């Protein structure tokens, strides 16, 4: 067995206890932190229904009511039994009914938001790399010139501007919320309420809704990827093997594209694996600003509403995809540079 295959198998086996550790700790926190689903349901009972007093509120909550709620949520079982049932019987919580929407399971809620996360997540991820890699190369080839200085100013300005501030600024400039600025783009959402003209019109309408959120997605990683690509390419260009290739008669273009470019992608490959987690995690801030019903907003609503069934299902899936993404990054290392050795 080759050292690379052995390394990937060890990483895959190591992912199992890592996943169990992540979910076990978070599962325990949902059981011991105050303000859980039982407490929130009891608070509702005190506010409405039941044996009402003069003010229309429940005077007290009996021990029988609390025990019944614990039984309904499964909190009356031992912790190990709860975790085992969540992991195996409920398929990492995907089969569990939502606490806030009992008629739907966590898996059904996630499935309803999944296409939106794919639509925005993959588009933002691909555009970030398509823009940042050529820009980083251009900055490296023109290091110290006016183009490098001007583009660095834009890159650092975008990096210093918080995502929520950029999102609000774009809405002010392009959505007609300020007098004097016409409404060029939609204010939020993923599509208009009614679009006439067939599938082509629907597609164009969705593209118009994507422009501002995707711009915020790209801006979030724009500076880091651009500067990482520039610095990596500068380091490779100044290496001995590039100078040796040029001394042996290779053109600067051949030395750049045939040698330096491929090796400069090695640090960039660390982010390739994050595409899996982007499909589920999304961006809570961006989805909140532009009212996008994606996975990030679903996880935030589940956490705020103590809907631990949905939150734990999202956490489990995100953890699995992130661990698989780390393996994907390692595979990208091996494809980019076959000299990388993963042996002891």
C-alpha atoms as a PDB file:
ATOM      1  CA  UNK A   1       0.000   0.000   0.000  1.00  0.00           C
ATOM      2  CA  UNK A   2       1.417   3.381  -1.002  1.00  0.00           C
ATOM      3  CA  UNK A   3       2.165   5.991   1.620  1.00  0.00           C
ATOM      4  CA  UNK A   4      -0.452   8.346   0.151  1.00  0.00           C
ATOM      5  CA  UNK A   5      -3.253   5.794   0.265  1.00  0.00           C
ATOM      6  CA  UNK A   6      -2.217   4.780   3.775  1.00  0.00           C
ATOM      7  CA  UNK A   7      -2.256   8.420   4.847  1.00  0.00           C
ATOM      8  CA  UNK A   8      -5.755   9.006   3.429  1.00  0.00           C
ATOM      9  CA  UNK A   9      -7.059   5.876   5.135  1.00  0.00           C
ATOM     10  CA  UNK A  10      -5.613   7.005   8.463  1.00  0.00           C
ATOM     11  CA  UNK A  11      -7.221  10.407   8.024  1.00  0.00           C
ATOM     12  CA  UNK A  12     -10.539   8.786   7.172  1.00  0.00           C
ATOM     13  CA  UNK A  13     -10.381   6.582  10.264  1.00  0.00           C
ATOM     14  CA  UNK A  14      -9.346   9.550  12.402  1.00  0.00           C
ATOM     15  CA  UNK A  15     -12.441  11.431  11.189  1.00  0.00           C
ATOM     16  CA  UNK A  16     -14.703   8.962  13.018  1.00  0.00           C
ATOM     17  CA  UNK A  17     -13.568   9.768  16.598  1.00  0.00           C
ATOM     18  CA  UNK A  18     -13.308  13.445  15.623  1.00  0.00           C
ATOM     19  CA  UNK A  19     -16.949  13.456  14.528  1.00  0.00           C
ATOM     20  CA  UNK A  20     -18.025  11.603  17.657  1.00  0.00           C
ATOM     21  CA  UNK A  21     -16.133  14.079  19.851  1.00  0.00           C
ATOM     22  CA  UNK A  22     -17.688  17.126  18.162  1.00  0.00           C
ATOM     23  CA  UNK A  23     -21.243  15.850  18.288  1.00  0.00           C
ATOM     24  CA  UNK A  24     -20.908  14.360  21.783  1.00  0.00           C
ATOM     25  CA  UNK A  25     -19.743  17.657  23.304  1.00  0.00           C
ATOM     26  CA  UNK A  26     -22.411  19.714  21.533  1.00  0.00           C
ATOM     27  CA  UNK A  27     -25.104  17.151  22.342  1.00  0.00           C
ATOM     28  CA  UNK A  28     -24.144  17.343  26.018  1.00  0.00           C
ATOM     29  CA  UNK A  29     -24.293  21.148  25.957  1.00  0.00           C
ATOM     30  CA  UNK A  30     -27.845  21.083  24.607  1.00  0.00           C
ATOM     31  CA  UNK A  31     -28.831  18.985  27.630  1.00  0.00           C
ATOM     32  CA  UNK A  32     -27.151  21.002  30.382  1.00  0.00           C
ATOM     33  CA  UNK A  33     -27.454  24.619  29.231  1.00  0.00           C
ATOM     34  CA  UNK A  34     -30.410  26.550  30.678  1.00  0.00           C
ATOM     35  CA  UNK A  35     -33.221  27.819  28.507  1.00  0.00           C
ATOM     36  CA  UNK A  36     -33.741  24.562  26.613  1.00  0.00           C
ATOM     37  CA  UNK A  37     -36.918  23.419  24.842  1.00  0.00           C
ATOM     38  CA  UNK A  38     -38.509  22.227  28.087  1.00  0.00           C
ATOM     39  CA  UNK A  39     -37.996  25.607  29.777  1.00  0.00           C
ATOM     40  CA  UNK A  40     -39.291  27.459  26.727  1.00  0.00           C
ATOM     41  CA  UNK A  41     -42.389  25.252  26.553  1.00  0.00           C
ATOM     42  CA  UNK A  42     -43.010  25.828  30.275  1.00  0.00           C
ATOM     43  CA  UNK A  43     -42.674  29.567  29.739  1.00  0.00           C
ATOM     44  CA  UNK A  44     -45.383  29.359  27.101  1.00  0.00           C
ATOM     45  CA  UNK A  45     -47.595  27.431  29.503  1.00  0.00           C
ATOM     46  CA  UNK A  46     -47.181  30.187  32.076  1.00  0.00           C
ATOM     47  CA  UNK A  47     -48.215  32.734  29.478  1.00  0.00           C
ATOM     48  CA  UNK A  48     -51.295  31.069  27.977  1.00  0.00           C
ATOM     49  CA  UNK A  49     -53.766  28.260  28.675  1.00  0.00           C
ATOM     50  CA  UNK A  50     -54.076  25.964  31.657  1.00  0.00           C
ATOM     51  CA  UNK A  51     -55.426  26.934  35.060  1.00  0.00           C
ATOM     52  CA  UNK A  52     -55.583  30.654  34.442  1.00  0.00           C
ATOM     53  CA  UNK A  53     -55.575  33.313  37.064  1.00  0.00           C
ATOM     54  CA  UNK A  54     -57.092  36.759  36.975  1.00  0.00           C
ATOM     55  CA  UNK A  55     -54.405  38.032  34.592  1.00  0.00           C
ATOM     56  CA  UNK A  56     -54.910  35.170  32.116  1.00  0.00           C
ATOM     57  CA  UNK A  57     -51.614  33.465  32.995  1.00  0.00           C
ATOM     58  CA  UNK A  58     -50.868  30.054  34.493  1.00  0.00           C
ATOM     59  CA  UNK A  59     -50.281  30.440  38.188  1.00  0.00           C
ATOM     60  CA  UNK A  60     -47.717  27.635  38.415  1.00  0.00           C
ATOM     61  CA  UNK A  61     -46.344  24.670  36.537  1.00  0.00           C
ATOM     62  CA  UNK A  62     -46.682  21.334  38.258  1.00  0.00           C
ATOM     63  CA  UNK A  63     -43.968  18.702  38.492  1.00  0.00           C
ATOM     64  CA  UNK A  64     -46.158  16.374  36.449  1.00  0.00           C
ATOM     65  CA  UNK A  65     -46.203  18.851  33.567  1.00  0.00           C
ATOM     66  CA  UNK A  66     -42.416  19.169  33.636  1.00  0.00           C
ATOM     67  CA  UNK A  67     -41.973  15.393  33.730  1.00  0.00           C
ATOM     68  CA  UNK A  68     -44.358  14.985  30.825  1.00  0.00           C
ATOM     69  CA  UNK A  69     -42.409  17.484  28.733  1.00  0.00           C
ATOM     70  CA  UNK A  70     -39.137  15.740  29.582  1.00  0.00           C
ATOM     71  CA  UNK A  71     -40.693  12.478  28.431  1.00  0.00           C
ATOM     72  CA  UNK A  72     -41.952  14.024  25.189  1.00  0.00           C
ATOM     73  CA  UNK A  73     -38.506  15.372  24.328  1.00  0.00           C
ATOM     74  CA  UNK A  74     -36.766  12.177  25.472  1.00  0.00           C
ATOM     75  CA  UNK A  75     -34.831  13.917  28.244  1.00  0.00           C
ATOM     76  CA  UNK A  76     -35.941  11.375  30.850  1.00  0.00           C
ATOM     77  CA  UNK A  77     -33.615   8.686  29.440  1.00  0.00           C
ATOM     78  CA  UNK A  78     -29.935   8.274  30.413  1.00  0.00           C
ATOM     79  CA  UNK A  79     -27.553  10.504  28.469  1.00  0.00           C
ATOM     80  CA  UNK A  80     -25.825   7.602  26.669  1.00  0.00           C
ATOM     81  CA  UNK A  81     -29.202   6.259  25.524  1.00  0.00           C
ATOM     82  CA  UNK A  82     -30.235   9.701  24.257  1.00  0.00           C
ATOM     83  CA  UNK A  83     -27.033  10.127  22.284  1.00  0.00           C
ATOM     84  CA  UNK A  84     -27.155   6.604  20.851  1.00  0.00           C
ATOM     85  CA  UNK A  85     -30.767   7.055  19.768  1.00  0.00           C
ATOM     86  CA  UNK A  86     -29.947  10.409  18.180  1.00  0.00           C
ATOM     87  CA  UNK A  87     -26.935   8.983  16.330  1.00  0.00           C
ATOM     88  CA  UNK A  88     -28.337   5.687  15.064  1.00  0.00           C
ATOM     89  CA  UNK A  89     -32.138   5.522  15.333  1.00  0.00           C
ATOM     90  CA  UNK A  90     -32.683   9.160  14.330  1.00  0.00           C
ATOM     91  CA  UNK A  91     -29.828   9.161  11.754  1.00  0.00           C
ATOM     92  CA  UNK A  92     -27.871  12.025  13.336  1.00  0.00           C
ATOM     93  CA  UNK A  93     -31.138  13.787  14.154  1.00  0.00           C
ATOM     94  CA  UNK A  94     -32.385  13.928  10.563  1.00  0.00           C
ATOM     95  CA  UNK A  95     -35.451  11.840  11.449  1.00  0.00           C
ATOM     96  CA  UNK A  96     -36.273  13.789  14.593  1.00  0.00           C
ATOM     97  CA  UNK A  97     -39.323  16.078  14.475  1.00  0.00           C
ATOM     98  CA  UNK A  98     -38.491  19.741  14.810  1.00  0.00           C
ATOM     99  CA  UNK A  99     -39.344  21.252  18.189  1.00  0.00           C
ATOM    100  CA  UNK A 100     -40.800  24.352  16.540  1.00  0.00           C
ATOM    101  CA  UNK A 101     -42.435  22.555  13.587  1.00  0.00           C
ATOM    102  CA  UNK A 102     -43.537  19.130  14.929  1.00  0.00           C
ATOM    103  CA  UNK A 103     -45.151  18.204  11.617  1.00  0.00           C
ATOM    104  CA  UNK A 104     -41.757  18.300   9.841  1.00  0.00           C
ATOM    105  CA  UNK A 105     -38.520  16.495  10.587  1.00  0.00           C
ATOM    106  CA  UNK A 106     -35.117  18.138  10.750  1.00  0.00           C
ATOM    107  CA  UNK A 107     -34.157  16.415   7.508  1.00  0.00           C
ATOM    108  CA  UNK A 108     -37.165  17.854   5.700  1.00  0.00           C
ATOM    109  CA  UNK A 109     -36.366  21.378   6.883  1.00  0.00           C
ATOM    110  CA  UNK A 110     -32.746  21.003   5.808  1.00  0.00           C
ATOM    111  CA  UNK A 111     -33.778  19.601   2.423  1.00  0.00           C
ATOM    112  CA  UNK A 112     -36.022  22.626   1.823  1.00  0.00           C
ATOM    113  CA  UNK A 113     -33.103  25.016   2.380  1.00  0.00           C
ATOM    114  CA  UNK A 114     -30.399  22.941   0.697  1.00  0.00           C
ATOM    115  CA  UNK A 115     -30.979  24.115  -2.939  1.00  0.00           C
ATOM    116  CA  UNK A 116     -30.670  27.737  -1.843  1.00  0.00           C
ATOM    117  CA  UNK A 117     -27.346  27.058  -0.131  1.00  0.00           C
ATOM    118  CA  UNK A 118     -26.051  25.268  -3.234  1.00  0.00           C
ATOM    119  CA  UNK A 119     -27.160  28.140  -5.463  1.00  0.00           C
ATOM    120  CA  UNK A 120     -25.366  30.819  -3.446  1.00  0.00           C
ATOM    121  CA  UNK A 121     -22.537  28.792  -1.887  1.00  0.00           C
ATOM    122  CA  UNK A 122     -21.060  27.273  -5.045  1.00  0.00           C
ATOM    123  CA  UNK A 123     -21.471  30.486  -7.047  1.00  0.00           C
ATOM    124  CA  UNK A 124     -19.678  32.570  -4.423  1.00  0.00           C
ATOM    125  CA  UNK A 125     -16.947  29.953  -3.964  1.00  0.00           C
ATOM    126  CA  UNK A 126     -16.205  29.588  -7.684  1.00  0.00           C
ATOM    127  CA  UNK A 127     -16.261  33.331  -8.357  1.00  0.00           C
ATOM    128  CA  UNK A 128     -13.910  33.989  -5.439  1.00  0.00           C
ATOM    129  CA  UNK A 129     -11.272  31.683  -6.896  1.00  0.00           C
ATOM    130  CA  UNK A 130     -11.849  32.813 -10.499  1.00  0.00           C
ATOM    131  CA  UNK A 131     -11.270  36.427  -9.457  1.00  0.00           C
ATOM    132  CA  UNK A 132      -8.613  36.089  -6.764  1.00  0.00           C
ATOM    133  CA  UNK A 133      -6.206  33.693  -8.480  1.00  0.00           C
ATOM    134  CA  UNK A 134      -5.755  35.803 -11.673  1.00  0.00           C
ATOM    135  CA  UNK A 135      -5.647  39.006  -9.621  1.00  0.00           C
ATOM    136  CA  UNK A 136      -3.009  37.571  -7.290  1.00  0.00           C
ATOM    137  CA  UNK A 137      -0.935  36.478 -10.279  1.00  0.00           C
ATOM    138  CA  UNK A 138      -1.240  39.919 -11.877  1.00  0.00           C
ATOM    139  CA  UNK A 139      -0.123  41.579  -8.636  1.00  0.00           C
ATOM    140  CA  UNK A 140       2.850  39.223  -8.350  1.00  0.00           C
ATOM    141  CA  UNK A 141       3.964  39.867 -11.945  1.00  0.00           C
ATOM    142  CA  UNK A 142       3.607  43.642 -11.411  1.00  0.00           C
ATOM    143  CA  UNK A 143       4.939  43.746  -7.863  1.00  0.00           C
ATOM    144  CA  UNK A 144       5.731  47.305  -6.772  1.00  0.00           C
ATOM    145  CA  UNK A 145       4.000  48.989  -9.721  1.00  0.00           C
ATOM    146  CA  UNK A 146       1.073  51.385  -9.599  1.00  0.00           C
ATOM    147  CA  UNK A 147      -1.293  48.554 -10.421  1.00  0.00           C
ATOM    148  CA  UNK A 148      -0.044  46.608  -7.422  1.00  0.00           C
ATOM    149  CA  UNK A 149      -0.445  49.594  -5.090  1.00  0.00           C
ATOM    150  CA  UNK A 150      -3.917  50.533  -6.397  1.00  0.00           C
ATOM    151  CA  UNK A 151      -5.215  46.960  -6.290  1.00  0.00           C
ATOM    152  CA  UNK A 152      -3.779  46.507  -2.778  1.00  0.00           C
ATOM    153  CA  UNK A 153      -5.756  49.553  -1.651  1.00  0.00           C
ATOM    154  CA  UNK A 154      -8.969  48.026  -3.018  1.00  0.00           C
ATOM    155  CA  UNK A 155      -8.158  44.619  -1.504  1.00  0.00           C
ATOM    156  CA  UNK A 156      -7.437  45.966   1.969  1.00  0.00           C
ATOM    157  CA  UNK A 157     -10.432  48.314   1.871  1.00  0.00           C
ATOM    158  CA  UNK A 158     -12.683  45.361   1.126  1.00  0.00           C
ATOM    159  CA  UNK A 159     -11.013  43.318   3.865  1.00  0.00           C
ATOM    160  CA  UNK A 160     -11.425  46.087   6.460  1.00  0.00           C
ATOM    161  CA  UNK A 161     -15.118  46.602   5.664  1.00  0.00           C
ATOM    162  CA  UNK A 162     -17.255  44.162   7.704  1.00  0.00           C
ATOM    163  CA  UNK A 163     -19.594  41.921   5.766  1.00  0.00           C
ATOM    164  CA  UNK A 164     -22.756  43.329   7.354  1.00  0.00           C
ATOM    165  CA  UNK A 165     -21.608  46.897   6.641  1.00  0.00           C
ATOM    166  CA  UNK A 166     -20.825  46.033   3.021  1.00  0.00           C
ATOM    167  CA  UNK A 167     -24.211  44.374   2.622  1.00  0.00           C
ATOM    168  CA  UNK A 168     -26.075  47.370   4.022  1.00  0.00           C
ATOM    169  CA  UNK A 169     -24.007  49.759   1.890  1.00  0.00           C
ATOM    170  CA  UNK A 170     -24.788  47.812  -1.281  1.00  0.00           C
ATOM    171  CA  UNK A 171     -28.487  47.818  -0.423  1.00  0.00           C
ATOM    172  CA  UNK A 172     -28.381  51.586   0.084  1.00  0.00           C
ATOM    173  CA  UNK A 173     -26.654  52.166  -3.251  1.00  0.00           C
ATOM    174  CA  UNK A 174     -28.485  49.728  -5.524  1.00  0.00           C
ATOM    175  CA  UNK A 175     -31.875  48.946  -3.944  1.00  0.00           C
ATOM    176  CA  UNK A 176     -33.435  52.401  -3.889  1.00  0.00           C
ATOM    177  CA  UNK A 177     -33.576  52.769  -0.106  1.00  0.00           C
ATOM    178  CA  UNK A 178     -31.924  56.211  -0.269  1.00  0.00           C
ATOM    179  CA  UNK A 179     -33.412  59.139  -2.132  1.00  0.00           C
ATOM    180  CA  UNK A 180     -31.440  59.911  -5.241  1.00  0.00           C
ATOM    181  CA  UNK A 181     -30.293  56.341  -5.845  1.00  0.00           C
ATOM    182  CA  UNK A 182     -32.578  54.375  -8.189  1.00  0.00           C
ATOM    183  CA  UNK A 183     -33.610  50.799  -7.399  1.00  0.00           C
ATOM    184  CA  UNK A 184     -31.399  48.815  -9.782  1.00  0.00           C
ATOM    185  CA  UNK A 185     -31.448  45.478  -7.948  1.00  0.00           C
ATOM    186  CA  UNK A 186     -33.942  43.677  -5.670  1.00  0.00           C
ATOM    187  CA  UNK A 187     -33.905  44.443  -1.976  1.00  0.00           C
ATOM    188  CA  UNK A 188     -33.705  40.815  -0.840  1.00  0.00           C
ATOM    189  CA  UNK A 189     -34.968  37.279  -1.213  1.00  0.00           C
ATOM    190  CA  UNK A 190     -34.065  34.750  -3.889  1.00  0.00           C
ATOM    191  CA  UNK A 191     -36.760  35.497  -6.474  1.00  0.00           C
ATOM    192  CA  UNK A 192     -39.639  37.849  -7.151  1.00  0.00           C
ATOM    193  CA  UNK A 193     -43.176  36.947  -6.119  1.00  0.00           C
ATOM    194  CA  UNK A 194     -44.425  36.828  -9.696  1.00  0.00           C
ATOM    195  CA  UNK A 195     -42.272  36.587 -12.819  1.00  0.00           C
ATOM    196  CA  UNK A 196     -43.784  36.338 -16.293  1.00  0.00           C
ATOM    197  CA  UNK A 197     -41.927  35.037 -19.323  1.00  0.00           C
ATOM    198  CA  UNK A 198     -41.048  31.417 -18.699  1.00  0.00           C
ATOM    199  CA  UNK A 199     -37.936  29.669 -17.396  1.00  0.00           C
ATOM    200  CA  UNK A 200     -35.546  32.206 -18.928  1.00  0.00           C
ATOM    201  CA  UNK A 201     -37.203  35.098 -17.125  1.00  0.00           C
ATOM    202  CA  UNK A 202     -37.139  33.174 -13.840  1.00  0.00           C
ATOM    203  CA  UNK A 203     -33.431  32.439 -14.289  1.00  0.00           C
ATOM    204  CA  UNK A 204     -32.617  36.089 -15.007  1.00  0.00           C
ATOM    205  CA  UNK A 205     -34.713  37.173 -12.033  1.00  0.00           C
ATOM    206  CA  UNK A 206     -32.727  34.856  -9.761  1.00  0.00           C
ATOM    207  CA  UNK A 207     -29.484  36.186 -11.174  1.00  0.00           C
ATOM    208  CA  UNK A 208     -30.544  39.734 -10.278  1.00  0.00           C
ATOM    209  CA  UNK A 209     -31.278  38.594  -6.723  1.00  0.00           C
ATOM    210  CA  UNK A 210     -27.868  36.901  -6.529  1.00  0.00           C
ATOM    211  CA  UNK A 211     -25.659  39.851  -7.471  1.00  0.00           C
ATOM    212  CA  UNK A 212     -25.454  41.628  -4.119  1.00  0.00           C
ATOM    213  CA  UNK A 213     -25.326  38.553  -1.828  1.00  0.00           C
ATOM    214  CA  UNK A 214     -22.694  36.849  -3.989  1.00  0.00           C
ATOM    215  CA  UNK A 215     -20.652  40.064  -4.000  1.00  0.00           C
ATOM    216  CA  UNK A 216     -20.632  39.896  -0.195  1.00  0.00           C
ATOM    217  CA  UNK A 217     -19.693  36.199  -0.308  1.00  0.00           C
ATOM    218  CA  UNK A 218     -16.722  36.951  -2.564  1.00  0.00           C
ATOM    219  CA  UNK A 219     -15.637  39.992  -0.549  1.00  0.00           C
ATOM    220  CA  UNK A 220     -15.398  37.867   2.592  1.00  0.00           C
ATOM    221  CA  UNK A 221     -12.444  35.856   1.226  1.00  0.00           C
ATOM    222  CA  UNK A 222     -11.259  38.264  -1.457  1.00  0.00           C
ATOM    223  CA  UNK A 223      -8.284  39.791   0.346  1.00  0.00           C
ATOM    224  CA  UNK A 224      -6.966  36.594   1.895  1.00  0.00           C
ATOM    225  CA  UNK A 225      -7.016  34.561  -1.317  1.00  0.00           C
ATOM    226  CA  UNK A 226      -5.565  37.365  -3.443  1.00  0.00           C
ATOM    227  CA  UNK A 227      -2.646  38.094  -1.131  1.00  0.00           C
ATOM    228  CA  UNK A 228      -2.017  34.386  -0.531  1.00  0.00           C
ATOM    229  CA  UNK A 229      -1.790  33.777  -4.275  1.00  0.00           C
ATOM    230  CA  UNK A 230       0.464  36.781  -4.797  1.00  0.00           C
ATOM    231  CA  UNK A 231       2.886  35.911  -1.989  1.00  0.00           C
ATOM    232  CA  UNK A 232       2.982  32.253  -2.967  1.00  0.00           C
ATOM    233  CA  UNK A 233       3.747  33.048  -6.604  1.00  0.00           C
ATOM    234  CA  UNK A 234       6.430  35.593  -5.634  1.00  0.00           C
ATOM    235  CA  UNK A 235       8.082  32.955  -3.462  1.00  0.00           C
ATOM    236  CA  UNK A 236       8.068  30.427  -6.290  1.00  0.00           C
ATOM    237  CA  UNK A 237       9.367  32.906  -8.868  1.00  0.00           C
ATOM    238  CA  UNK A 238      12.374  33.699  -6.666  1.00  0.00           C
ATOM    239  CA  UNK A 239      13.147  30.005  -6.096  1.00  0.00           C
ATOM    240  CA  UNK A 240      16.298  28.356  -7.452  1.00  0.00           C
ATOM    241  CA  UNK A 241      14.474  25.910  -9.694  1.00  0.00           C
ATOM    242  CA  UNK A 242      12.787  28.758 -11.619  1.00  0.00           C
ATOM    243  CA  UNK A 243      16.102  30.542 -12.141  1.00  0.00           C
ATOM    244  CA  UNK A 244      17.651  27.244 -13.216  1.00  0.00           C
ATOM    245  CA  UNK A 245      14.875  26.639 -15.750  1.00  0.00           C
ATOM    246  CA  UNK A 246      15.387  30.115 -17.235  1.00  0.00           C
ATOM    247  CA  UNK A 247      19.181  29.605 -17.315  1.00  0.00           C
ATOM    248  CA  UNK A 248      18.678  26.379 -19.287  1.00  0.00           C
ATOM    249  CA  UNK A 249      16.772  28.260 -21.987  1.00  0.00           C
ATOM    250  CA  UNK A 250      13.150  28.231 -20.788  1.00  0.00           C
ATOM    251  CA  UNK A 251      11.201  31.381 -21.499  1.00  0.00           C
ATOM    252  CA  UNK A 252       9.871  33.359 -18.518  1.00  0.00           C
ATOM    253  CA  UNK A 253       6.340  32.390 -19.580  1.00  0.00           C
ATOM    254  CA  UNK A 254       7.283  28.691 -19.660  1.00  0.00           C
ATOM    255  CA  UNK A 255       8.981  28.947 -16.250  1.00  0.00           C
ATOM    256  CA  UNK A 256       5.905  30.675 -14.825  1.00  0.00           C
ATOM    257  CA  UNK A 257       3.165  28.419 -16.187  1.00  0.00           C
ATOM    258  CA  UNK A 258       5.115  25.188 -16.305  1.00  0.00           C
ATOM    259  CA  UNK A 259       6.772  25.344 -12.892  1.00  0.00           C
ATOM    260  CA  UNK A 260       5.950  28.267 -10.582  1.00  0.00           C
ATOM    261  CA  UNK A 261       2.175  28.443 -11.118  1.00  0.00           C
ATOM    262  CA  UNK A 262       1.449  24.841 -10.150  1.00  0.00           C
ATOM    263  CA  UNK A 263       3.526  24.989  -6.989  1.00  0.00           C
ATOM    264  CA  UNK A 264       2.047  28.347  -5.983  1.00  0.00           C
ATOM    265  CA  UNK A 265      -1.410  26.737  -5.854  1.00  0.00           C
ATOM    266  CA  UNK A 266      -0.441  24.513  -2.911  1.00  0.00           C
ATOM    267  CA  UNK A 267      -1.406  27.074  -0.185  1.00  0.00           C
ATOM    268  CA  UNK A 268      -4.569  27.929  -2.126  1.00  0.00           C
ATOM    269  CA  UNK A 269      -5.622  24.250  -2.109  1.00  0.00           C
ATOM    270  CA  UNK A 270      -6.310  24.453   1.632  1.00  0.00           C
ATOM    271  CA  UNK A 271      -9.588  26.210   0.862  1.00  0.00           C
ATOM    272  CA  UNK A 272     -10.841  23.709  -1.714  1.00  0.00           C
ATOM    273  CA  UNK A 273     -12.280  21.477   0.972  1.00  0.00           C
ATOM    274  CA  UNK A 274     -14.385  24.272   2.426  1.00  0.00           C
ATOM    275  CA  UNK A 275     -16.785  24.075  -0.510  1.00  0.00           C
ATOM    276  CA  UNK A 276     -18.574  21.151   1.194  1.00  0.00           C
ATOM    277  CA  UNK A 277     -19.203  23.044   4.422  1.00  0.00           C
ATOM    278  CA  UNK A 278     -20.306  26.124   2.458  1.00  0.00           C
ATOM    279  CA  UNK A 279     -23.226  24.136   1.088  1.00  0.00           C
ATOM    280  CA  UNK A 280     -24.661  23.733   4.584  1.00  0.00           C
ATOM    281  CA  UNK A 281     -23.188  26.509   6.701  1.00  0.00           C
ATOM    282  CA  UNK A 282     -23.667  29.390   4.311  1.00  0.00           C
ATOM    283  CA  UNK A 283     -23.310  32.831   5.823  1.00  0.00           C
ATOM    284  CA  UNK A 284     -25.623  33.796   8.659  1.00  0.00           C
ATOM    285  CA  UNK A 285     -24.962  37.527   8.307  1.00  0.00           C
ATOM    286  CA  UNK A 286     -25.426  37.673   4.544  1.00  0.00           C
ATOM    287  CA  UNK A 287     -28.570  35.554   4.621  1.00  0.00           C
ATOM    288  CA  UNK A 288     -29.974  37.721   7.391  1.00  0.00           C
ATOM    289  CA  UNK A 289     -29.291  40.986   5.569  1.00  0.00           C
ATOM    290  CA  UNK A 290     -30.700  39.861   2.225  1.00  0.00           C
ATOM    291  CA  UNK A 291     -33.500  37.677   3.673  1.00  0.00           C
ATOM    292  CA  UNK A 292     -32.198  34.505   2.038  1.00  0.00           C
ATOM    293  CA  UNK A 293     -33.831  31.290   3.336  1.00  0.00           C
ATOM    294  CA  UNK A 294     -30.606  29.284   3.423  1.00  0.00           C
ATOM    295  CA  UNK A 295     -28.863  26.920   5.804  1.00  0.00           C
ATOM    296  CA  UNK A 296     -27.122  29.674   7.751  1.00  0.00           C
ATOM    297  CA  UNK A 297     -30.378  31.386   8.589  1.00  0.00           C
ATOM    298  CA  UNK A 298     -32.017  28.060   9.457  1.00  0.00           C
ATOM    299  CA  UNK A 299     -29.240  27.230  11.924  1.00  0.00           C
ATOM    300  CA  UNK A 300     -29.484  30.680  13.506  1.00  0.00           C
ATOM    301  CA  UNK A 301     -33.261  30.438  13.892  1.00  0.00           C
ATOM    302  CA  UNK A 302     -32.936  26.917  15.323  1.00  0.00           C
ATOM    303  CA  UNK A 303     -30.343  28.030  17.861  1.00  0.00           C
ATOM    304  CA  UNK A 304     -32.282  31.153  18.862  1.00  0.00           C
ATOM    305  CA  UNK A 305     -35.498  29.155  19.228  1.00  0.00           C
ATOM    306  CA  UNK A 306     -33.741  26.291  21.079  1.00  0.00           C
ATOM    307  CA  UNK A 307     -34.793  23.903  18.310  1.00  0.00           C
ATOM    308  CA  UNK A 308     -31.934  21.567  19.139  1.00  0.00           C
ATOM    309  CA  UNK A 309     -33.254  18.813  16.876  1.00  0.00           C
ATOM    310  CA  UNK A 310     -32.645  20.953  13.780  1.00  0.00           C
ATOM    311  CA  UNK A 311     -29.491  22.573  15.109  1.00  0.00           C
ATOM    312  CA  UNK A 312     -27.801  19.259  15.951  1.00  0.00           C
ATOM    313  CA  UNK A 313     -28.731  17.795  12.547  1.00  0.00           C
ATOM    314  CA  UNK A 314     -27.135  20.779  10.799  1.00  0.00           C
ATOM    315  CA  UNK A 315     -24.085  20.557  13.052  1.00  0.00           C
ATOM    316  CA  UNK A 316     -23.649  16.836  12.321  1.00  0.00           C
ATOM    317  CA  UNK A 317     -23.914  17.267   8.562  1.00  0.00           C
ATOM    318  CA  UNK A 318     -21.606  20.271   8.570  1.00  0.00           C
ATOM    319  CA  UNK A 319     -19.024  18.337  10.602  1.00  0.00           C
ATOM    320  CA  UNK A 320     -19.124  15.383   8.205  1.00  0.00           C
ATOM    321  CA  UNK A 321     -18.741  17.622   5.176  1.00  0.00           C
ATOM    322  CA  UNK A 322     -15.902  19.598   6.757  1.00  0.00           C
ATOM    323  CA  UNK A 323     -14.011  16.401   7.565  1.00  0.00           C
ATOM    324  CA  UNK A 324     -14.528  15.169   4.010  1.00  0.00           C
ATOM    325  CA  UNK A 325     -13.401  18.567   2.784  1.00  0.00           C
ATOM    326  CA  UNK A 326     -10.123  18.176   4.649  1.00  0.00           C
ATOM    327  CA  UNK A 327      -9.557  14.910   2.776  1.00  0.00           C
ATOM    328  CA  UNK A 328     -10.359  16.707  -0.476  1.00  0.00           C
ATOM    329  CA  UNK A 329      -7.701  19.322   0.326  1.00  0.00           C
ATOM    330  CA  UNK A 330      -5.148  16.566   0.897  1.00  0.00           C
ATOM    331  CA  UNK A 331      -6.061  15.025  -2.449  1.00  0.00           C
ATOM    332  CA  UNK A 332      -5.592  18.419  -4.076  1.00  0.00           C
ATOM    333  CA  UNK A 333      -2.116  18.601  -2.524  1.00  0.00           C
ATOM    334  CA  UNK A 334      -1.170  15.304  -4.148  1.00  0.00           C
ATOM    335  CA  UNK A 335      -2.562  16.304  -7.541  1.00  0.00           C
ATOM    336  CA  UNK A 336      -0.825  19.687  -7.535  1.00  0.00           C
ATOM    337  CA  UNK A 337       2.555  18.471  -6.275  1.00  0.00           C
ATOM    338  CA  UNK A 338       3.308  14.725  -6.635  1.00  0.00           C
ATOM    339  CA  UNK A 339       6.498  15.226  -4.618  1.00  0.00           C
ATOM    340  CA  UNK A 340       4.488  15.616  -1.399  1.00  0.00           C
ATOM    341  CA  UNK A 341       5.155  12.600   0.786  1.00  0.00           C
ATOM    342  CA  UNK A 342       2.749  11.575   3.566  1.00  0.00           C
ATOM    343  CA  UNK A 343       4.814   8.768   5.027  1.00  0.00           C
ATOM    344  CA  UNK A 344       6.259   8.687   8.541  1.00  0.00           C
END
